[in-house]
Structure formats: structure tokens, C-alpha cells
PDB file of all heavy atoms in Angstrom:
ATOM      1  N   THR A   1     -10.547  -8.720   3.279  1.00  0.00           N
ATOM      2  CA  THR A   1      -9.343  -9.499   2.951  1.00  0.00           C
ATOM      3  C   THR A   1      -8.112  -8.782   3.377  1.00  0.00           C
ATOM      4  O   THR A   1      -8.156  -7.519   3.605  1.00  0.00           O
ATOM      5  CB  THR A   1      -9.269  -9.769   1.427  1.00  0.00           C
ATOM      6  OG1 THR A   1      -9.021  -8.506   0.763  1.00  0.00           O
ATOM      7  CG2 THR A   1     -10.557 -10.385   0.898  1.00  0.00           C
ATOM      8  N   ALA A   2      -7.022  -9.463   3.498  1.00  0.00           N
ATOM      9  CA  ALA A   2      -5.756  -8.841   3.931  1.00  0.00           C
ATOM     10  C   ALA A   2      -5.307  -7.777   2.903  1.00  0.00           C
ATOM     11  O   ALA A   2      -4.796  -6.721   3.299  1.00  0.00           O
ATOM     12  CB  ALA A   2      -4.707  -9.910   4.065  1.00  0.00           C
ATOM     13  N   ALA A   3      -5.498  -8.063   1.612  1.00  0.00           N
ATOM     14  CA  ALA A   3      -5.085  -7.091   0.574  1.00  0.00           C
ATOM     15  C   ALA A   3      -5.912  -5.827   0.664  1.00  0.00           C
ATOM     16  O   ALA A   3      -5.386  -4.732   0.507  1.00  0.00           O
ATOM     17  CB  ALA A   3      -5.178  -7.714  -0.778  1.00  0.00           C
ATOM     18  N   GLN A   4      -7.209  -5.955   0.914  1.00  0.00           N
ATOM     19  CA  GLN A   4      -8.053  -4.765   1.098  1.00  0.00           C
ATOM     20  C   GLN A   4      -7.585  -3.932   2.270  1.00  0.00           C
ATOM     21  O   GLN A   4      -7.588  -2.737   2.243  1.00  0.00           O
ATOM     22  CB  GLN A   4      -9.516  -5.196   1.288  1.00  0.00           C
ATOM     23  CG  GLN A   4     -10.198  -5.670   0.065  1.00  0.00           C
ATOM     24  CD  GLN A   4     -11.642  -6.086   0.332  1.00  0.00           C
ATOM     25  OE1 GLN A   4     -12.039  -6.285   1.478  1.00  0.00           O
ATOM     26  NE2 GLN A   4     -12.438  -6.242  -0.750  1.00  0.00           N
ATOM     27  N   TRP A   5      -7.178  -4.617   3.319  1.00  0.00           N
ATOM     28  CA  TRP A   5      -6.685  -3.928   4.546  1.00  0.00           C
ATOM     29  C   TRP A   5      -5.422  -3.157   4.219  1.00  0.00           C
ATOM     30  O   TRP A   5      -5.280  -1.998   4.635  1.00  0.00           O
ATOM     31  CB  TRP A   5      -6.487  -4.895   5.679  1.00  0.00           C
ATOM     32  CG  TRP A   5      -5.868  -4.241   6.892  1.00  0.00           C
ATOM     33  CD1 TRP A   5      -6.492  -3.445   7.795  1.00  0.00           C
ATOM     34  CD2 TRP A   5      -4.520  -4.330   7.281  1.00  0.00           C
ATOM     35  NE1 TRP A   5      -5.599  -3.035   8.756  1.00  0.00           N
ATOM     36  CE2 TRP A   5      -4.384  -3.530   8.476  1.00  0.00           C
ATOM     37  CE3 TRP A   5      -3.366  -5.003   6.785  1.00  0.00           C
ATOM     38  CZ2 TRP A   5      -3.154  -3.419   9.142  1.00  0.00           C
ATOM     39  CZ3 TRP A   5      -2.167  -4.853   7.440  1.00  0.00           C
ATOM     40  CH2 TRP A   5      -2.083  -4.073   8.628  1.00  0.00           C
ATOM     41  N   VAL A   6      -4.508  -3.794   3.518  1.00  0.00           N
ATOM     42  CA  VAL A   6      -3.283  -3.103   3.145  1.00  0.00           C
ATOM     43  C   VAL A   6      -3.627  -1.806   2.365  1.00  0.00           C
ATOM     44  O   VAL A   6      -3.043  -0.753   2.582  1.00  0.00           O
ATOM     45  CB  VAL A   6      -2.368  -4.033   2.284  1.00  0.00           C
ATOM     46  CG1 VAL A   6      -1.208  -3.184   1.678  1.00  0.00           C
ATOM     47  CG2 VAL A   6      -1.812  -5.137   3.110  1.00  0.00           C
ATOM     48  N   ALA A   7      -4.583  -1.924   1.455  1.00  0.00           N
ATOM     49  CA  ALA A   7      -4.919  -0.782   0.575  1.00  0.00           C
ATOM     50  C   ALA A   7      -5.474   0.394   1.366  1.00  0.00           C
ATOM     51  O   ALA A   7      -5.522   1.525   0.801  1.00  0.00           O
ATOM     52  CB  ALA A   7      -5.911  -1.224  -0.484  1.00  0.00           C
ATOM     53  N   LYS A   8      -5.896   0.212   2.573  1.00  0.00           N
ATOM     54  CA  LYS A   8      -6.447   1.313   3.361  1.00  0.00           C
ATOM     55  C   LYS A   8      -5.399   2.348   3.730  1.00  0.00           C
ATOM     56  O   LYS A   8      -5.728   3.432   4.204  1.00  0.00           O
ATOM     57  CB  LYS A   8      -7.117   0.762   4.646  1.00  0.00           C
ATOM     58  CG  LYS A   8      -8.364  -0.034   4.375  1.00  0.00           C
ATOM     59  CD  LYS A   8      -8.855  -0.782   5.618  1.00  0.00           C
ATOM     60  CE  LYS A   8      -9.489   0.108   6.656  1.00  0.00           C
ATOM     61  NZ  LYS A   8     -10.827   0.582   6.216  1.00  0.00           N
ATOM     62  N   ALA A   9      -4.090   2.037   3.492  1.00  0.00           N
ATOM     63  CA  ALA A   9      -3.039   2.974   3.842  1.00  0.00           C
ATOM     64  C   ALA A   9      -2.518   3.783   2.676  1.00  0.00           C
ATOM     65  O   ALA A   9      -1.571   4.544   2.832  1.00  0.00           O
ATOM     66  CB  ALA A   9      -1.888   2.226   4.535  1.00  0.00           C
ATOM     67  N   VAL A  10      -3.108   3.596   1.475  1.00  0.00           N
ATOM     68  CA  VAL A  10      -2.568   4.350   0.374  1.00  0.00           C
ATOM     69  C   VAL A  10      -2.859   5.858   0.465  1.00  0.00           C
ATOM     70  O   VAL A  10      -3.764   6.256   1.245  1.00  0.00           O
ATOM     71  CB  VAL A  10      -3.179   3.856  -1.006  1.00  0.00           C
ATOM     72  CG1 VAL A  10      -2.832   2.418  -1.271  1.00  0.00           C
ATOM     73  CG2 VAL A  10      -4.724   4.052  -1.011  1.00  0.00           C
ATOM     74  N   ALA A  11      -2.083   6.668  -0.206  1.00  0.00           N
ATOM     75  CA  ALA A  11      -2.338   8.096  -0.214  1.00  0.00           C
ATOM     76  C   ALA A  11      -3.617   8.412  -0.960  1.00  0.00           C
ATOM     77  O   ALA A  11      -4.096   7.627  -1.821  1.00  0.00           O
ATOM     78  CB  ALA A  11      -1.146   8.835  -0.867  1.00  0.00           C
ATOM     79  N   ASP A  12      -4.196   9.583  -0.677  1.00  0.00           N
ATOM     80  CA  ASP A  12      -5.483   9.928  -1.376  1.00  0.00           C
ATOM     81  C   ASP A  12      -5.217  10.336  -2.815  1.00  0.00           C
ATOM     82  O   ASP A  12      -4.085  10.552  -3.246  1.00  0.00           O
ATOM     83  CB  ASP A  12      -6.236  11.016  -0.586  1.00  0.00           C
ATOM     84  CG  ASP A  12      -5.552  12.337  -0.557  1.00  0.00           C
ATOM     85  OD1 ASP A  12      -5.074  12.775  -1.638  1.00  0.00           O
ATOM     86  OD2 ASP A  12      -5.516  12.967   0.505  1.00  0.00           O
ATOM     87  N   LYS A  13      -6.276  10.469  -3.575  1.00  0.00           N
ATOM     88  CA  LYS A  13      -6.178  10.649  -5.009  1.00  0.00           C
ATOM     89  C   LYS A  13      -5.556  12.006  -5.387  1.00  0.00           C
ATOM     90  O   LYS A  13      -5.112  12.192  -6.536  1.00  0.00           O
ATOM     91  CB  LYS A  13      -7.569  10.561  -5.684  1.00  0.00           C
ATOM     92  CG  LYS A  13      -8.556  11.631  -5.188  1.00  0.00           C
ATOM     93  CD  LYS A  13      -9.896  11.454  -5.872  1.00  0.00           C
ATOM     94  CE  LYS A  13     -10.887  12.528  -5.420  1.00  0.00           C
ATOM     95  NZ  LYS A  13     -12.223  12.355  -6.098  1.00  0.00           N
ATOM     96  N   ASN A  14      -5.519  12.936  -4.431  1.00  0.00           N
ATOM     97  CA  ASN A  14      -4.904  14.242  -4.743  1.00  0.00           C
ATOM     98  C   ASN A  14      -3.419  14.336  -4.377  1.00  0.00           C
ATOM     99  O   ASN A  14      -2.800  15.394  -4.611  1.00  0.00           O
ATOM    100  CB  ASN A  14      -5.695  15.363  -3.998  1.00  0.00           C
ATOM    101  CG  ASN A  14      -7.140  15.430  -4.448  1.00  0.00           C
ATOM    102  OD1 ASN A  14      -7.421  15.394  -5.655  1.00  0.00           O
ATOM    103  ND2 ASN A  14      -8.053  15.590  -3.504  1.00  0.00           N
ATOM    104  N   ASP A  15      -2.870  13.282  -3.837  1.00  0.00           N
ATOM    105  CA  ASP A  15      -1.475  13.271  -3.460  1.00  0.00           C
ATOM    106  C   ASP A  15      -0.581  13.322  -4.734  1.00  0.00           C
ATOM    107  O   ASP A  15      -0.766  12.501  -5.603  1.00  0.00           O
ATOM    108  CB  ASP A  15      -1.120  12.047  -2.653  1.00  0.00           C
ATOM    109  CG  ASP A  15       0.205  12.169  -1.904  1.00  0.00           C
ATOM    110  OD1 ASP A  15       1.225  12.407  -2.580  1.00  0.00           O
ATOM    111  OD2 ASP A  15       0.184  12.068  -0.658  1.00  0.00           O
ATOM    112  N   PRO A  16       0.328  14.278  -4.798  1.00  0.00           N
ATOM    113  CA  PRO A  16       1.135  14.381  -6.032  1.00  0.00           C
ATOM    114  C   PRO A  16       2.121  13.214  -6.227  1.00  0.00           C
ATOM    115  O   PRO A  16       2.626  13.013  -7.334  1.00  0.00           O
ATOM    116  CB  PRO A  16       1.912  15.686  -5.808  1.00  0.00           C
ATOM    117  CG  PRO A  16       1.978  15.861  -4.347  1.00  0.00           C
ATOM    118  CD  PRO A  16       0.655  15.321  -3.838  1.00  0.00           C
ATOM    119  N   ARG A  17       2.349  12.442  -5.165  1.00  0.00           N
ATOM    120  CA  ARG A  17       3.223  11.269  -5.304  1.00  0.00           C
ATOM    121  C   ARG A  17       2.408  10.086  -5.787  1.00  0.00           C
ATOM    122  O   ARG A  17       1.885   9.326  -5.036  1.00  0.00           O
ATOM    123  CB  ARG A  17       3.853  10.982  -3.961  1.00  0.00           C
ATOM    124  CG  ARG A  17       4.694  12.139  -3.369  1.00  0.00           C
ATOM    125  CD  ARG A  17       4.995  11.955  -1.883  1.00  0.00           C
ATOM    126  NE  ARG A  17       3.762  11.964  -1.111  1.00  0.00           N
ATOM    127  CZ  ARG A  17       3.723  11.812   0.222  1.00  0.00           C
ATOM    128  NH1 ARG A  17       4.850  11.593   0.897  1.00  0.00           N
ATOM    129  NH2 ARG A  17       2.572  11.847   0.868  1.00  0.00           N
ATOM    130  N   GLU A  18       2.378   9.983  -7.103  1.00  0.00           N
ATOM    131  CA  GLU A  18       1.478   8.978  -7.735  1.00  0.00           C
ATOM    132  C   GLU A  18       1.707   7.585  -7.191  1.00  0.00           C
ATOM    133  O   GLU A  18       0.777   6.841  -6.944  1.00  0.00           O
ATOM    134  CB  GLU A  18       1.648   8.989  -9.238  1.00  0.00           C
ATOM    135  CG  GLU A  18       0.835   7.976  -9.980  1.00  0.00           C
ATOM    136  CD  GLU A  18       1.173   7.916 -11.467  1.00  0.00           C
ATOM    137  OE1 GLU A  18       2.319   7.544 -11.797  1.00  0.00           O
ATOM    138  OE2 GLU A  18       0.318   8.227 -12.277  1.00  0.00           O
ATOM    139  N   TYR A  19       2.998   7.225  -6.987  1.00  0.00           N
ATOM    140  CA  TYR A  19       3.299   5.835  -6.566  1.00  0.00           C
ATOM    141  C   TYR A  19       2.735   5.526  -5.206  1.00  0.00           C
ATOM    142  O   TYR A  19       2.519   4.332  -4.861  1.00  0.00           O
ATOM    143  CB  TYR A  19       4.839   5.649  -6.596  1.00  0.00           C
ATOM    144  CG  TYR A  19       5.631   6.719  -5.821  1.00  0.00           C
ATOM    145  CD1 TYR A  19       5.858   6.588  -4.498  1.00  0.00           C
ATOM    146  CD2 TYR A  19       6.028   7.822  -6.536  1.00  0.00           C
ATOM    147  CE1 TYR A  19       6.532   7.594  -3.822  1.00  0.00           C
ATOM    148  CE2 TYR A  19       6.767   8.821  -5.848  1.00  0.00           C
ATOM    149  CZ  TYR A  19       6.997   8.688  -4.504  1.00  0.00           C
ATOM    150  OH  TYR A  19       7.685   9.684  -3.840  1.00  0.00           O
ATOM    151  N   LEU A  20       2.462   6.498  -4.383  1.00  0.00           N
ATOM    152  CA  LEU A  20       1.881   6.254  -3.032  1.00  0.00           C
ATOM    153  C   LEU A  20       0.356   6.076  -3.119  1.00  0.00           C
ATOM    154  O   LEU A  20      -0.255   5.676  -2.121  1.00  0.00           O
ATOM    155  CB  LEU A  20       2.215   7.389  -2.037  1.00  0.00           C
ATOM    156  CG  LEU A  20       3.687   7.544  -1.702  1.00  0.00           C
ATOM    157  CD1 LEU A  20       3.826   8.583  -0.579  1.00  0.00           C
ATOM    158  CD2 LEU A  20       4.299   6.228  -1.266  1.00  0.00           C
ATOM    159  N   ARG A  21      -0.211   6.336  -4.296  1.00  0.00           N
ATOM    160  CA  ARG A  21      -1.642   6.150  -4.455  1.00  0.00           C
ATOM    161  C   ARG A  21      -2.007   4.711  -4.808  1.00  0.00           C
ATOM    162  O   ARG A  21      -3.166   4.345  -4.987  1.00  0.00           O
ATOM    163  CB  ARG A  21      -2.196   7.107  -5.513  1.00  0.00           C
ATOM    164  CG  ARG A  21      -1.949   8.574  -5.210  1.00  0.00           C
ATOM    165  CD  ARG A  21      -2.889   9.476  -6.001  1.00  0.00           C
ATOM    166  NE  ARG A  21      -2.730   9.372  -7.445  1.00  0.00           N
ATOM    167  CZ  ARG A  21      -2.022  10.201  -8.199  1.00  0.00           C
ATOM    168  NH1 ARG A  21      -1.376  11.189  -7.620  1.00  0.00           N
ATOM    169  NH2 ARG A  21      -1.965  10.050  -9.506  1.00  0.00           N
ATOM    170  N   TYR A  22      -0.971   3.847  -4.886  1.00  0.00           N
ATOM    171  CA  TYR A  22      -1.150   2.444  -5.231  1.00  0.00           C
ATOM    172  C   TYR A  22      -0.613   1.523  -4.133  1.00  0.00           C
ATOM    173  O   TYR A  22       0.239   1.925  -3.312  1.00  0.00           O
ATOM    174  CB  TYR A  22      -0.407   2.115  -6.536  1.00  0.00           C
ATOM    175  CG  TYR A  22      -0.777   3.003  -7.687  1.00  0.00           C
ATOM    176  CD1 TYR A  22       0.206   3.692  -8.417  1.00  0.00           C
ATOM    177  CD2 TYR A  22      -2.094   3.183  -8.091  1.00  0.00           C
ATOM    178  CE1 TYR A  22      -0.140   4.508  -9.470  1.00  0.00           C
ATOM    179  CE2 TYR A  22      -2.420   4.006  -9.153  1.00  0.00           C
ATOM    180  CZ  TYR A  22      -1.440   4.660  -9.829  1.00  0.00           C
ATOM    181  OH  TYR A  22      -1.762   5.516 -10.884  1.00  0.00           O
ATOM    182  N   VAL A  23      -1.099   0.302  -4.163  1.00  0.00           N
ATOM    183  CA  VAL A  23      -0.511  -0.756  -3.337  1.00  0.00           C
ATOM    184  C   VAL A  23       0.729  -1.256  -4.080  1.00  0.00           C
ATOM    185  O   VAL A  23       0.772  -1.294  -5.311  1.00  0.00           O
ATOM    186  CB  VAL A  23      -1.529  -1.901  -3.164  1.00  0.00           C
ATOM    187  CG1 VAL A  23      -0.915  -3.043  -2.332  1.00  0.00           C
ATOM    188  CG2 VAL A  23      -2.767  -1.366  -2.416  1.00  0.00           C
ATOM    189  N   TYR A  24       1.746  -1.633  -3.356  1.00  0.00           N
ATOM    190  CA  TYR A  24       2.995  -2.086  -3.964  1.00  0.00           C
ATOM    191  C   TYR A  24       3.382  -3.459  -3.443  1.00  0.00           C
ATOM    192  O   TYR A  24       3.209  -3.805  -2.263  1.00  0.00           O
ATOM    193  CB  TYR A  24       4.141  -1.105  -3.619  1.00  0.00           C
ATOM    194  CG  TYR A  24       5.462  -1.507  -4.173  1.00  0.00           C
ATOM    195  CD1 TYR A  24       5.754  -1.397  -5.544  1.00  0.00           C
ATOM    196  CD2 TYR A  24       6.475  -2.041  -3.335  1.00  0.00           C
ATOM    197  CE1 TYR A  24       6.984  -1.765  -6.063  1.00  0.00           C
ATOM    198  CE2 TYR A  24       7.696  -2.394  -3.853  1.00  0.00           C
ATOM    199  CZ  TYR A  24       7.949  -2.252  -5.218  1.00  0.00           C
ATOM    200  OH  TYR A  24       9.154  -2.665  -5.702  1.00  0.00           O
ATOM    201  N   SER A  25       3.923  -4.264  -4.342  1.00  0.00           N
ATOM    202  CA  SER A  25       4.469  -5.575  -3.980  1.00  0.00           C
ATOM    203  C   SER A  25       5.915  -5.648  -4.414  1.00  0.00           C
ATOM    204  O   SER A  25       6.274  -5.240  -5.512  1.00  0.00           O
ATOM    205  CB  SER A  25       3.674  -6.682  -4.692  1.00  0.00           C
ATOM    206  OG  SER A  25       4.333  -7.955  -4.475  1.00  0.00           O
ATOM    207  N   ASP A  26       6.742  -6.195  -3.497  1.00  0.00           N
ATOM    208  CA  ASP A  26       8.172  -6.446  -3.883  1.00  0.00           C
ATOM    209  C   ASP A  26       8.370  -7.926  -4.143  1.00  0.00           C
ATOM    210  O   ASP A  26       9.479  -8.384  -4.287  1.00  0.00           O
ATOM    211  CB  ASP A  26       9.118  -5.962  -2.811  1.00  0.00           C
ATOM    212  CG  ASP A  26       8.911  -6.676  -1.447  1.00  0.00           C
ATOM    213  OD1 ASP A  26       8.125  -7.632  -1.395  1.00  0.00           O
ATOM    214  OD2 ASP A  26       9.569  -6.260  -0.471  1.00  0.00           O
ATOM    215  N   GLY A  27       7.256  -8.668  -4.219  1.00  0.00           N
ATOM    216  CA  GLY A  27       7.329 -10.087  -4.455  1.00  0.00           C
ATOM    217  C   GLY A  27       7.276 -10.934  -3.174  1.00  0.00           C
ATOM    218  O   GLY A  27       6.926 -12.115  -3.219  1.00  0.00           O
ATOM    219  N   GLU A  28       7.578 -10.260  -2.047  1.00  0.00           N
ATOM    220  CA  GLU A  28       7.528 -10.931  -0.745  1.00  0.00           C
ATOM    221  C   GLU A  28       6.495 -10.300   0.169  1.00  0.00           C
ATOM    222  O   GLU A  28       5.804 -10.987   0.888  1.00  0.00           O
ATOM    223  CB  GLU A  28       8.899 -10.847  -0.083  1.00  0.00           C
ATOM    224  CG  GLU A  28       8.954 -11.544   1.258  1.00  0.00           C
ATOM    225  CD  GLU A  28      10.345 -11.464   1.939  1.00  0.00           C
ATOM    226  OE1 GLU A  28      11.191 -10.694   1.421  1.00  0.00           O
ATOM    227  OE2 GLU A  28      10.524 -12.102   3.015  1.00  0.00           O
ATOM    228  N   PHE A  29       6.419  -8.954   0.114  1.00  0.00           N
ATOM    229  CA  PHE A  29       5.460  -8.208   0.937  1.00  0.00           C
ATOM    230  C   PHE A  29       4.543  -7.395   0.070  1.00  0.00           C
ATOM    231  O   PHE A  29       4.944  -6.876  -0.988  1.00  0.00           O
ATOM    232  CB  PHE A  29       6.216  -7.287   1.888  1.00  0.00           C
ATOM    233  CG  PHE A  29       7.000  -7.989   2.941  1.00  0.00           C
ATOM    234  CD1 PHE A  29       8.317  -8.238   2.795  1.00  0.00           C
ATOM    235  CD2 PHE A  29       6.347  -8.388   4.147  1.00  0.00           C
ATOM    236  CE1 PHE A  29       9.052  -8.885   3.807  1.00  0.00           C
ATOM    237  CE2 PHE A  29       7.063  -9.055   5.133  1.00  0.00           C
ATOM    238  CZ  PHE A  29       8.416  -9.306   4.941  1.00  0.00           C
ATOM    239  N   LEU A  30       3.311  -7.253   0.498  1.00  0.00           N
ATOM    240  CA  LEU A  30       2.325  -6.316  -0.092  1.00  0.00           C
ATOM    241  C   LEU A  30       2.213  -5.163   0.914  1.00  0.00           C
ATOM    242  O   LEU A  30       1.928  -5.398   2.086  1.00  0.00           O
ATOM    243  CB  LEU A  30       1.002  -7.014  -0.320  1.00  0.00           C
ATOM    244  CG  LEU A  30      -0.016  -6.297  -1.217  1.00  0.00           C
ATOM    245  CD1 LEU A  30       0.500  -6.253  -2.656  1.00  0.00           C
ATOM    246  CD2 LEU A  30      -1.387  -7.029  -1.166  1.00  0.00           C
ATOM    247  N   VAL A  31       2.402  -3.953   0.392  1.00  0.00           N
ATOM    248  CA  VAL A  31       2.500  -2.788   1.290  1.00  0.00           C
ATOM    249  C   VAL A  31       1.803  -1.602   0.718  1.00  0.00           C
ATOM    250  O   VAL A  31       1.664  -1.445  -0.493  1.00  0.00           O
ATOM    251  CB  VAL A  31       4.019  -2.479   1.593  1.00  0.00           C
ATOM    252  CG1 VAL A  31       4.717  -2.154   0.324  1.00  0.00           C
ATOM    253  CG2 VAL A  31       4.176  -1.338   2.591  1.00  0.00           C
ATOM    254  N   ALA A  32       1.385  -0.681   1.605  1.00  0.00           N
ATOM    255  CA  ALA A  32       0.805   0.593   1.193  1.00  0.00           C
ATOM    256  C   ALA A  32       1.177   1.640   2.284  1.00  0.00           C
ATOM    257  O   ALA A  32       1.208   1.306   3.467  1.00  0.00           O
ATOM    258  CB  ALA A  32      -0.713   0.518   1.003  1.00  0.00           C
ATOM    259  N   THR A  33       1.424   2.843   1.840  1.00  0.00           N
ATOM    260  CA  THR A  33       1.721   3.924   2.776  1.00  0.00           C
ATOM    261  C   THR A  33       1.411   5.271   2.127  1.00  0.00           C
ATOM    262  O   THR A  33       1.487   5.414   0.904  1.00  0.00           O
ATOM    263  CB  THR A  33       3.181   3.920   3.218  1.00  0.00           C
ATOM    264  OG1 THR A  33       3.437   4.984   4.144  1.00  0.00           O
ATOM    265  CG2 THR A  33       4.139   4.079   2.039  1.00  0.00           C
ATOM    266  N   ASN A  34       1.059   6.243   2.977  1.00  0.00           N
ATOM    267  CA  ASN A  34       0.928   7.627   2.485  1.00  0.00           C
ATOM    268  C   ASN A  34       2.028   8.528   3.064  1.00  0.00           C
ATOM    269  O   ASN A  34       1.987   9.691   2.927  1.00  0.00           O
ATOM    270  CB  ASN A  34      -0.462   8.193   2.863  1.00  0.00           C
ATOM    271  CG  ASN A  34      -0.625   8.403   4.336  1.00  0.00           C
ATOM    272  OD1 ASN A  34       0.188   7.967   5.161  1.00  0.00           O
ATOM    273  ND2 ASN A  34      -1.659   9.090   4.769  1.00  0.00           N
ATOM    274  N   GLY A  35       2.962   7.858   3.711  1.00  0.00           N
ATOM    275  CA  GLY A  35       4.090   8.607   4.348  1.00  0.00           C
ATOM    276  C   GLY A  35       3.897   8.822   5.826  1.00  0.00           C
ATOM    277  O   GLY A  35       4.819   9.237   6.525  1.00  0.00           O
ATOM    278  N   TYR A  36       2.683   8.572   6.335  1.00  0.00           N
ATOM    279  CA  TYR A  36       2.355   8.789   7.743  1.00  0.00           C
ATOM    280  C   TYR A  36       1.906   7.494   8.441  1.00  0.00           C
ATOM    281  O   TYR A  36       1.981   7.411   9.671  1.00  0.00           O
ATOM    282  CB  TYR A  36       1.300   9.860   7.918  1.00  0.00           C
ATOM    283  CG  TYR A  36       1.670  11.206   7.379  1.00  0.00           C
ATOM    284  CD1 TYR A  36       1.277  11.639   6.100  1.00  0.00           C
ATOM    285  CD2 TYR A  36       2.466  12.072   8.161  1.00  0.00           C
ATOM    286  CE1 TYR A  36       1.680  12.872   5.655  1.00  0.00           C
ATOM    287  CE2 TYR A  36       2.846  13.308   7.682  1.00  0.00           C
ATOM    288  CZ  TYR A  36       2.431  13.707   6.392  1.00  0.00           C
ATOM    289  OH  TYR A  36       2.822  14.939   5.940  1.00  0.00           O
ATOM    290  N   HIS A  37       1.463   6.555   7.683  1.00  0.00           N
ATOM    291  CA  HIS A  37       1.161   5.223   8.236  1.00  0.00           C
ATOM    292  C   HIS A  37       1.437   4.180   7.179  1.00  0.00           C
ATOM    293  O   HIS A  37       1.413   4.503   5.949  1.00  0.00           O
ATOM    294  CB  HIS A  37      -0.232   5.106   8.827  1.00  0.00           C
ATOM    295  CG  HIS A  37      -1.351   5.230   7.817  1.00  0.00           C
ATOM    296  ND1 HIS A  37      -2.538   4.545   7.914  1.00  0.00           N
ATOM    297  CD2 HIS A  37      -1.509   5.971   6.668  1.00  0.00           C
ATOM    298  CE1 HIS A  37      -3.373   4.839   6.934  1.00  0.00           C
ATOM    299  NE2 HIS A  37      -2.723   5.740   6.147  1.00  0.00           N
ATOM    300  N   ILE A  38       1.740   2.976   7.631  1.00  0.00           N
ATOM    301  CA  ILE A  38       2.115   1.878   6.716  1.00  0.00           C
ATOM    302  C   ILE A  38       1.372   0.638   7.087  1.00  0.00           C
ATOM    303  O   ILE A  38       1.270   0.313   8.293  1.00  0.00           O
ATOM    304  CB  ILE A  38       3.661   1.596   6.771  1.00  0.00           C
ATOM    305  CG1 ILE A  38       4.475   2.870   6.629  1.00  0.00           C
ATOM    306  CG2 ILE A  38       4.048   0.603   5.692  1.00  0.00           C
ATOM    307  CD1 ILE A  38       5.965   2.691   6.934  1.00  0.00           C
ATOM    308  N   HIS A  39       0.811  -0.083   6.109  1.00  0.00           N
ATOM    309  CA  HIS A  39       0.237  -1.423   6.319  1.00  0.00           C
ATOM    310  C   HIS A  39       1.032  -2.400   5.478  1.00  0.00           C
ATOM    311  O   HIS A  39       1.340  -2.059   4.308  1.00  0.00           O
ATOM    312  CB  HIS A  39      -1.207  -1.477   5.890  1.00  0.00           C
ATOM    313  CG  HIS A  39      -2.169  -0.672   6.737  1.00  0.00           C
ATOM    314  ND1 HIS A  39      -3.523  -0.716   6.579  1.00  0.00           N
ATOM    315  CD2 HIS A  39      -1.940   0.158   7.752  1.00  0.00           C
ATOM    316  CE1 HIS A  39      -4.107   0.081   7.432  1.00  0.00           C
ATOM    317  NE2 HIS A  39      -3.157   0.633   8.190  1.00  0.00           N
ATOM    318  N   TRP A  40       1.308  -3.594   6.005  1.00  0.00           N
ATOM    319  CA  TRP A  40       1.971  -4.570   5.152  1.00  0.00           C
ATOM    320  C   TRP A  40       1.614  -6.009   5.609  1.00  0.00           C
ATOM    321  O   TRP A  40       1.290  -6.232   6.771  1.00  0.00           O
ATOM    322  CB  TRP A  40       3.458  -4.377   5.131  1.00  0.00           C
ATOM    323  CG  TRP A  40       4.235  -4.760   6.371  1.00  0.00           C
ATOM    324  CD1 TRP A  40       4.799  -5.964   6.718  1.00  0.00           C
ATOM    325  CD2 TRP A  40       4.553  -3.894   7.483  1.00  0.00           C
ATOM    326  NE1 TRP A  40       5.417  -5.926   7.936  1.00  0.00           N
ATOM    327  CE2 TRP A  40       5.278  -4.638   8.418  1.00  0.00           C
ATOM    328  CE3 TRP A  40       4.260  -2.565   7.741  1.00  0.00           C
ATOM    329  CZ2 TRP A  40       5.745  -4.127   9.621  1.00  0.00           C
ATOM    330  CZ3 TRP A  40       4.726  -2.018   8.961  1.00  0.00           C
ATOM    331  CH2 TRP A  40       5.490  -2.810   9.847  1.00  0.00           C
ATOM    332  N   ILE A  41       1.637  -6.901   4.645  1.00  0.00           N
ATOM    333  CA  ILE A  41       1.464  -8.323   4.902  1.00  0.00           C
ATOM    334  C   ILE A  41       2.509  -9.060   4.096  1.00  0.00           C
ATOM    335  O   ILE A  41       3.019  -8.562   3.116  1.00  0.00           O
ATOM    336  CB  ILE A  41       0.050  -8.812   4.485  1.00  0.00           C
ATOM    337  CG1 ILE A  41      -0.171  -8.576   2.958  1.00  0.00           C
ATOM    338  CG2 ILE A  41      -1.036  -8.153   5.307  1.00  0.00           C
ATOM    339  CD1 ILE A  41      -1.409  -9.230   2.403  1.00  0.00           C
ATOM    340  N   LYS A  42       2.797 -10.301   4.558  1.00  0.00           N
ATOM    341  CA  LYS A  42       3.723 -11.122   3.788  1.00  0.00           C
ATOM    342  C   LYS A  42       2.864 -11.903   2.803  1.00  0.00           C
ATOM    343  O   LYS A  42       1.922 -12.572   3.158  1.00  0.00           O
ATOM    344  CB  LYS A  42       4.457 -12.058   4.699  1.00  0.00           C
ATOM    345  CG  LYS A  42       5.669 -12.714   4.056  1.00  0.00           C
ATOM    346  CD  LYS A  42       6.606 -13.299   5.087  1.00  0.00           C
ATOM    347  CE  LYS A  42       7.927 -13.750   4.379  1.00  0.00           C
ATOM    348  NZ  LYS A  42       8.912 -14.247   5.373  1.00  0.00           N
ATOM    349  N   SER A  43       3.177 -11.805   1.519  1.00  0.00           N
ATOM    350  CA  SER A  43       2.394 -12.413   0.490  1.00  0.00           C
ATOM    351  C   SER A  43       3.181 -12.551  -0.827  1.00  0.00           C
ATOM    352  O   SER A  43       3.841 -11.618  -1.216  1.00  0.00           O
ATOM    353  CB  SER A  43       1.113 -11.606   0.178  1.00  0.00           C
ATOM    354  OG  SER A  43       0.407 -12.155  -0.913  1.00  0.00           O
ATOM    355  N   ASN A  44       3.116 -13.763  -1.405  1.00  0.00           N
ATOM    356  CA  ASN A  44       3.758 -13.926  -2.708  1.00  0.00           C
ATOM    357  C   ASN A  44       2.679 -14.129  -3.797  1.00  0.00           C
ATOM    358  O   ASN A  44       2.933 -14.648  -4.883  1.00  0.00           O
ATOM    359  CB  ASN A  44       4.704 -15.144  -2.694  1.00  0.00           C
ATOM    360  CG  ASN A  44       4.009 -16.432  -2.237  1.00  0.00           C
ATOM    361  OD1 ASN A  44       2.775 -16.508  -2.133  1.00  0.00           O
ATOM    362  ND2 ASN A  44       4.811 -17.473  -1.992  1.00  0.00           N
ATOM    363  N   ASP A  45       1.437 -13.715  -3.500  1.00  0.00           N
ATOM    364  CA  ASP A  45       0.342 -13.796  -4.451  1.00  0.00           C
ATOM    365  C   ASP A  45       0.369 -12.708  -5.490  1.00  0.00           C
ATOM    366  O   ASP A  45      -0.356 -12.783  -6.506  1.00  0.00           O
ATOM    367  CB  ASP A  45      -0.988 -13.733  -3.710  1.00  0.00           C
ATOM    368  CG  ASP A  45      -1.225 -14.959  -2.807  1.00  0.00           C
ATOM    369  OD1 ASP A  45      -0.616 -16.034  -3.089  1.00  0.00           O
ATOM    370  OD2 ASP A  45      -1.984 -14.820  -1.827  1.00  0.00           O
TER     371      ASP A  45
END
């Protein structure tokens, strides 16, 4: 699924930046990044 694909860009579990270990939605886009790569889709789900 598109959401699963976005989640492939989250930071690993040992990253001290907790917020990067999750997928984030701003209400318009679903996004994930570890600071070196970013995945995003347009979604209001």
C-alpha cells in the first residue's frame, strides 16, 4: 500500500529523534524521513 511505502523512510528504532521514527501526517500529506531520504504521498485519510 502507499502508506506502507511511505513508512519505509522512517528512522530506525535507535535514532534519538523519536519523531522521525514515526510516519507523520499534516492532514494533506503523509510523509516519513530519517533525514537522508523522504517519502510522501498526498492523502487526507
